[in-house]
Amino acid sequence: MNGERGPISLAPPPGEVEPGSGVRIVVEYCEPCGFEATYLELASAVKEQYPGIEIESRLGGTGAFEIEINGQLIFSKLENGGFPYEKDLMDAIRRASNGEPIEKITNSRPPCVIL
Protein backbone atom coordinates (compact mmCIF):
# COMPACT_ATOMS: atom_id res chain seq x y z
CA MET A 1 0.00 0.00 0.00
CA ASN A 2 1.22 3.47 -0.77
CA GLY A 3 -0.62 5.28 2.03
CA GLU A 4 -3.05 7.03 -0.31
CA ARG A 5 -6.70 7.03 0.61
CA GLY A 6 -9.51 6.33 -1.80
CA PRO A 7 -12.36 8.71 -2.51
CA ILE A 8 -14.24 9.90 0.54
CA SER A 9 -17.97 9.36 0.39
CA LEU A 10 -20.25 11.95 1.92
CA ALA A 11 -23.22 9.63 1.56
CA PRO A 12 -25.06 8.69 4.74
CA PRO A 13 -24.45 5.26 6.27
CA PRO A 14 -26.56 2.42 4.85
CA GLY A 15 -30.14 2.59 6.11
CA GLU A 16 -29.98 6.36 6.72
CA VAL A 17 -31.65 8.82 4.40
CA GLU A 18 -29.92 12.06 3.51
CA PRO A 19 -31.80 15.09 4.88
CA GLY A 20 -34.09 16.49 2.20
CA SER A 21 -33.92 13.49 -0.13
CA GLY A 22 -37.14 13.08 -2.07
CA VAL A 23 -37.77 16.83 -2.00
CA ARG A 24 -37.49 18.81 -5.23
CA ILE A 25 -37.33 22.60 -5.24
CA VAL A 26 -37.65 24.80 -8.31
CA VAL A 27 -36.91 28.51 -8.00
CA GLU A 28 -38.04 30.74 -10.84
CA TYR A 29 -36.39 34.15 -10.79
CA CYS A 30 -36.00 37.32 -12.85
CA GLU A 31 -32.42 37.49 -14.11
CA PRO A 32 -32.55 41.12 -15.39
CA CYS A 33 -33.78 42.13 -11.92
CA GLY A 34 -30.54 40.80 -10.39
CA PHE A 35 -32.24 38.00 -8.44
CA GLU A 36 -29.72 35.32 -9.46
CA ALA A 37 -27.49 36.22 -6.49
CA THR A 38 -30.46 35.76 -4.13
CA TYR A 39 -31.18 32.37 -5.70
CA LEU A 40 -27.54 31.24 -5.39
CA GLU A 41 -27.38 32.34 -1.74
CA LEU A 42 -30.64 30.54 -0.97
CA ALA A 43 -29.61 27.38 -2.85
CA SER A 44 -26.32 27.26 -0.96
CA ALA A 45 -28.07 27.57 2.42
CA VAL A 46 -30.60 24.88 1.47
CA LYS A 47 -27.92 22.43 0.27
CA GLU A 48 -25.89 23.01 3.43
CA GLN A 49 -28.81 22.07 5.67
CA TYR A 50 -30.42 19.50 3.34
CA PRO A 51 -27.65 17.86 1.26
CA GLY A 52 -30.00 15.32 -0.32
CA ILE A 53 -32.33 17.93 -1.79
CA GLU A 54 -32.77 18.51 -5.50
CA ILE A 55 -32.84 22.25 -6.27
CA GLU A 56 -32.90 23.90 -9.66
CA SER A 57 -33.60 27.28 -11.16
CA ARG A 58 -35.34 28.60 -14.20
CA LEU A 59 -35.67 32.07 -15.60
CA GLY A 60 -38.96 33.82 -14.94
CA GLY A 61 -40.75 37.01 -15.77
CA THR A 62 -40.07 40.52 -14.54
CA GLY A 63 -39.97 40.71 -10.76
CA ALA A 64 -40.41 36.95 -10.28
CA PHE A 65 -38.93 34.95 -7.41
CA GLU A 66 -41.25 31.96 -7.14
CA ILE A 67 -40.48 28.81 -5.14
CA GLU A 68 -42.08 25.42 -5.67
CA ILE A 69 -41.59 22.39 -3.47
CA ASN A 70 -42.55 19.10 -5.12
CA GLY A 71 -44.62 21.00 -7.70
CA GLN A 72 -46.53 23.11 -5.14
CA LEU A 73 -46.05 26.89 -5.24
CA ILE A 74 -45.10 27.80 -1.68
CA PHE A 75 -43.73 31.31 -2.14
CA SER A 76 -44.33 34.10 -4.65
CA LYS A 77 -42.49 37.42 -4.62
CA LEU A 78 -45.05 38.64 -7.12
CA GLU A 79 -47.75 38.10 -4.47
CA ASN A 80 -45.76 39.07 -1.35
CA GLY A 81 -43.54 41.87 -2.67
CA GLY A 82 -40.35 40.63 -1.02
CA PHE A 83 -38.13 37.59 -0.58
CA PRO A 84 -38.78 34.66 1.78
CA TYR A 85 -37.16 34.45 5.18
CA GLU A 86 -34.67 31.57 5.16
CA LYS A 87 -36.19 30.14 8.37
CA ASP A 88 -39.65 29.89 6.75
CA LEU A 89 -38.26 28.10 3.71
CA MET A 90 -36.23 25.67 5.83
CA ASP A 91 -39.36 24.89 7.85
CA ALA A 92 -41.31 24.17 4.65
CA ILE A 93 -38.52 21.88 3.41
CA ARG A 94 -38.44 20.06 6.75
CA ARG A 95 -42.19 19.53 6.58
CA ALA A 96 -42.00 18.27 2.98
CA SER A 97 -39.17 15.85 3.79
CA ASN A 98 -41.24 14.49 6.71
CA GLY A 99 -44.26 14.00 4.41
CA GLU A 100 -46.24 16.71 6.20
CA PRO A 101 -48.50 19.18 4.37
CA ILE A 102 -46.80 22.40 3.29
CA GLU A 103 -48.43 25.76 3.81
CA LYS A 104 -47.77 28.71 1.54
CA ILE A 105 -45.23 31.19 2.95
CA THR A 106 -46.84 34.61 3.28
CA ASN A 107 -44.13 36.44 5.28
CA SER A 108 -41.50 38.21 3.26
CA ARG A 109 -38.56 40.45 3.86
CA PRO A 110 -38.55 43.63 1.79
CA PRO A 111 -36.28 43.78 -1.23
CA CYS A 112 -33.25 46.02 -0.90
CA VAL A 113 -33.96 49.66 -1.58
CA ILE A 114 -31.18 52.09 -2.40
CA LEU A 115 -32.02 55.65 -1.46
C-alpha atoms as a PDB file:
ATOM      1  CA  MET A   1       0.000   0.000   0.000  1.00  0.00           C
ATOM      2  CA  ASN A   2       1.217   3.468  -0.775  1.00  0.00           C
ATOM      3  CA  GLY A   3      -0.618   5.280   2.028  1.00  0.00           C
ATOM      4  CA  GLU A   4      -3.054   7.033  -0.309  1.00  0.00           C
ATOM      5  CA  ARG A   5      -6.700   7.026   0.610  1.00  0.00           C
ATOM      6  CA  GLY A   6      -9.509   6.328  -1.802  1.00  0.00           C
ATOM      7  CA  PRO A   7     -12.361   8.706  -2.513  1.00  0.00           C
ATOM      8  CA  ILE A   8     -14.236   9.902   0.540  1.00  0.00           C
ATOM      9  CA  SER A   9     -17.969   9.363   0.388  1.00  0.00           C
ATOM     10  CA  LEU A  10     -20.251  11.947   1.925  1.00  0.00           C
ATOM     11  CA  ALA A  11     -23.218   9.626   1.560  1.00  0.00           C
ATOM     12  CA  PRO A  12     -25.057   8.693   4.743  1.00  0.00           C
ATOM     13  CA  PRO A  13     -24.445   5.265   6.268  1.00  0.00           C
ATOM     14  CA  PRO A  14     -26.561   2.420   4.847  1.00  0.00           C
ATOM     15  CA  GLY A  15     -30.143   2.591   6.109  1.00  0.00           C
ATOM     16  CA  GLU A  16     -29.976   6.356   6.719  1.00  0.00           C
ATOM     17  CA  VAL A  17     -31.647   8.818   4.397  1.00  0.00           C
ATOM     18  CA  GLU A  18     -29.915  12.062   3.506  1.00  0.00           C
ATOM     19  CA  PRO A  19     -31.799  15.087   4.878  1.00  0.00           C
ATOM     20  CA  GLY A  20     -34.087  16.487   2.201  1.00  0.00           C
ATOM     21  CA  SER A  21     -33.923  13.495  -0.133  1.00  0.00           C
ATOM     22  CA  GLY A  22     -37.141  13.085  -2.074  1.00  0.00           C
ATOM     23  CA  VAL A  23     -37.766  16.835  -2.002  1.00  0.00           C
ATOM     24  CA  ARG A  24     -37.490  18.811  -5.233  1.00  0.00           C
ATOM     25  CA  ILE A  25     -37.325  22.599  -5.241  1.00  0.00           C
ATOM     26  CA  VAL A  26     -37.651  24.800  -8.310  1.00  0.00           C
ATOM     27  CA  VAL A  27     -36.914  28.514  -8.003  1.00  0.00           C
ATOM     28  CA  GLU A  28     -38.045  30.741 -10.842  1.00  0.00           C
ATOM     29  CA  TYR A  29     -36.391  34.154 -10.792  1.00  0.00           C
ATOM     30  CA  CYS A  30     -36.003  37.316 -12.853  1.00  0.00           C
ATOM     31  CA  GLU A  31     -32.416  37.488 -14.110  1.00  0.00           C
ATOM     32  CA  PRO A  32     -32.545  41.119 -15.390  1.00  0.00           C
ATOM     33  CA  CYS A  33     -33.778  42.133 -11.915  1.00  0.00           C
ATOM     34  CA  GLY A  34     -30.540  40.799 -10.394  1.00  0.00           C
ATOM     35  CA  PHE A  35     -32.243  38.001  -8.438  1.00  0.00           C
ATOM     36  CA  GLU A  36     -29.717  35.319  -9.460  1.00  0.00           C
ATOM     37  CA  ALA A  37     -27.494  36.217  -6.486  1.00  0.00           C
ATOM     38  CA  THR A  38     -30.458  35.762  -4.129  1.00  0.00           C
ATOM     39  CA  TYR A  39     -31.182  32.368  -5.699  1.00  0.00           C
ATOM     40  CA  LEU A  40     -27.542  31.239  -5.391  1.00  0.00           C
ATOM     41  CA  GLU A  41     -27.383  32.335  -1.737  1.00  0.00           C
ATOM     42  CA  LEU A  42     -30.644  30.543  -0.975  1.00  0.00           C
ATOM     43  CA  ALA A  43     -29.611  27.381  -2.854  1.00  0.00           C
ATOM     44  CA  SER A  44     -26.320  27.261  -0.955  1.00  0.00           C
ATOM     45  CA  ALA A  45     -28.068  27.571   2.420  1.00  0.00           C
ATOM     46  CA  VAL A  46     -30.600  24.878   1.465  1.00  0.00           C
ATOM     47  CA  LYS A  47     -27.918  22.431   0.266  1.00  0.00           C
ATOM     48  CA  GLU A  48     -25.894  23.009   3.434  1.00  0.00           C
ATOM     49  CA  GLN A  49     -28.814  22.071   5.672  1.00  0.00           C
ATOM     50  CA  TYR A  50     -30.418  19.503   3.336  1.00  0.00           C
ATOM     51  CA  PRO A  51     -27.651  17.863   1.263  1.00  0.00           C
ATOM     52  CA  GLY A  52     -30.005  15.324  -0.319  1.00  0.00           C
ATOM     53  CA  ILE A  53     -32.329  17.927  -1.789  1.00  0.00           C
ATOM     54  CA  GLU A  54     -32.766  18.512  -5.496  1.00  0.00           C
ATOM     55  CA  ILE A  55     -32.841  22.251  -6.265  1.00  0.00           C
ATOM     56  CA  GLU A  56     -32.900  23.898  -9.657  1.00  0.00           C
ATOM     57  CA  SER A  57     -33.596  27.276 -11.156  1.00  0.00           C
ATOM     58  CA  ARG A  58     -35.340  28.600 -14.201  1.00  0.00           C
ATOM     59  CA  LEU A  59     -35.671  32.074 -15.597  1.00  0.00           C
ATOM     60  CA  GLY A  60     -38.957  33.820 -14.937  1.00  0.00           C
ATOM     61  CA  GLY A  61     -40.753  37.011 -15.767  1.00  0.00           C
ATOM     62  CA  THR A  62     -40.065  40.518 -14.543  1.00  0.00           C
ATOM     63  CA  GLY A  63     -39.972  40.709 -10.759  1.00  0.00           C
ATOM     64  CA  ALA A  64     -40.408  36.953 -10.283  1.00  0.00           C
ATOM     65  CA  PHE A  65     -38.931  34.947  -7.414  1.00  0.00           C
ATOM     66  CA  GLU A  66     -41.251  31.964  -7.136  1.00  0.00           C
ATOM     67  CA  ILE A  67     -40.476  28.811  -5.142  1.00  0.00           C
ATOM     68  CA  GLU A  68     -42.082  25.419  -5.670  1.00  0.00           C
ATOM     69  CA  ILE A  69     -41.587  22.386  -3.470  1.00  0.00           C
ATOM     70  CA  ASN A  70     -42.552  19.102  -5.117  1.00  0.00           C
ATOM     71  CA  GLY A  71     -44.618  21.001  -7.697  1.00  0.00           C
ATOM     72  CA  GLN A  72     -46.529  23.111  -5.144  1.00  0.00           C
ATOM     73  CA  LEU A  73     -46.052  26.892  -5.238  1.00  0.00           C
ATOM     74  CA  ILE A  74     -45.096  27.799  -1.685  1.00  0.00           C
ATOM     75  CA  PHE A  75     -43.732  31.312  -2.143  1.00  0.00           C
ATOM     76  CA  SER A  76     -44.334  34.105  -4.646  1.00  0.00           C
ATOM     77  CA  LYS A  77     -42.485  37.416  -4.616  1.00  0.00           C
ATOM     78  CA  LEU A  78     -45.048  38.643  -7.121  1.00  0.00           C
ATOM     79  CA  GLU A  79     -47.749  38.103  -4.471  1.00  0.00           C
ATOM     80  CA  ASN A  80     -45.759  39.068  -1.354  1.00  0.00           C
ATOM     81  CA  GLY A  81     -43.544  41.869  -2.673  1.00  0.00           C
ATOM     82  CA  GLY A  82     -40.349  40.633  -1.018  1.00  0.00           C
ATOM     83  CA  PHE A  83     -38.127  37.590  -0.576  1.00  0.00           C
ATOM     84  CA  PRO A  84     -38.780  34.659   1.779  1.00  0.00           C
ATOM     85  CA  TYR A  85     -37.165  34.447   5.181  1.00  0.00           C
ATOM     86  CA  GLU A  86     -34.674  31.566   5.165  1.00  0.00           C
ATOM     87  CA  LYS A  87     -36.190  30.143   8.373  1.00  0.00           C
ATOM     88  CA  ASP A  88     -39.655  29.890   6.754  1.00  0.00           C
ATOM     89  CA  LEU A  89     -38.264  28.096   3.707  1.00  0.00           C
ATOM     90  CA  MET A  90     -36.226  25.669   5.834  1.00  0.00           C
ATOM     91  CA  ASP A  91     -39.356  24.886   7.847  1.00  0.00           C
ATOM     92  CA  ALA A  92     -41.308  24.173   4.648  1.00  0.00           C
ATOM     93  CA  ILE A  93     -38.515  21.881   3.410  1.00  0.00           C
ATOM     94  CA  ARG A  94     -38.441  20.055   6.747  1.00  0.00           C
ATOM     95  CA  ARG A  95     -42.194  19.531   6.579  1.00  0.00           C
ATOM     96  CA  ALA A  96     -41.997  18.265   2.978  1.00  0.00           C
ATOM     97  CA  SER A  97     -39.165  15.846   3.790  1.00  0.00           C
ATOM     98  CA  ASN A  98     -41.241  14.489   6.705  1.00  0.00           C
ATOM     99  CA  GLY A  99     -44.258  13.999   4.415  1.00  0.00           C
ATOM    100  CA  GLU A 100     -46.240  16.714   6.199  1.00  0.00           C
ATOM    101  CA  PRO A 101     -48.498  19.182   4.371  1.00  0.00           C
ATOM    102  CA  ILE A 102     -46.801  22.401   3.289  1.00  0.00           C
ATOM    103  CA  GLU A 103     -48.432  25.760   3.810  1.00  0.00           C
ATOM    104  CA  LYS A 104     -47.770  28.711   1.541  1.00  0.00           C
ATOM    105  CA  ILE A 105     -45.231  31.185   2.946  1.00  0.00           C
ATOM    106  CA  THR A 106     -46.841  34.612   3.282  1.00  0.00           C
ATOM    107  CA  ASN A 107     -44.133  36.442   5.277  1.00  0.00           C
ATOM    108  CA  SER A 108     -41.496  38.214   3.261  1.00  0.00           C
ATOM    109  CA  ARG A 109     -38.556  40.449   3.859  1.00  0.00           C
ATOM    110  CA  PRO A 110     -38.554  43.625   1.787  1.00  0.00           C
ATOM    111  CA  PRO A 111     -36.282  43.775  -1.227  1.00  0.00           C
ATOM    112  CA  CYS A 112     -33.254  46.020  -0.896  1.00  0.00           C
ATOM    113  CA  VAL A 113     -33.960  49.661  -1.579  1.00  0.00           C
ATOM    114  CA  ILE A 114     -31.182  52.092  -2.397  1.00  0.00           C
ATOM    115  CA  LEU A 115     -32.024  55.646  -1.464  1.00  0.00           C
END
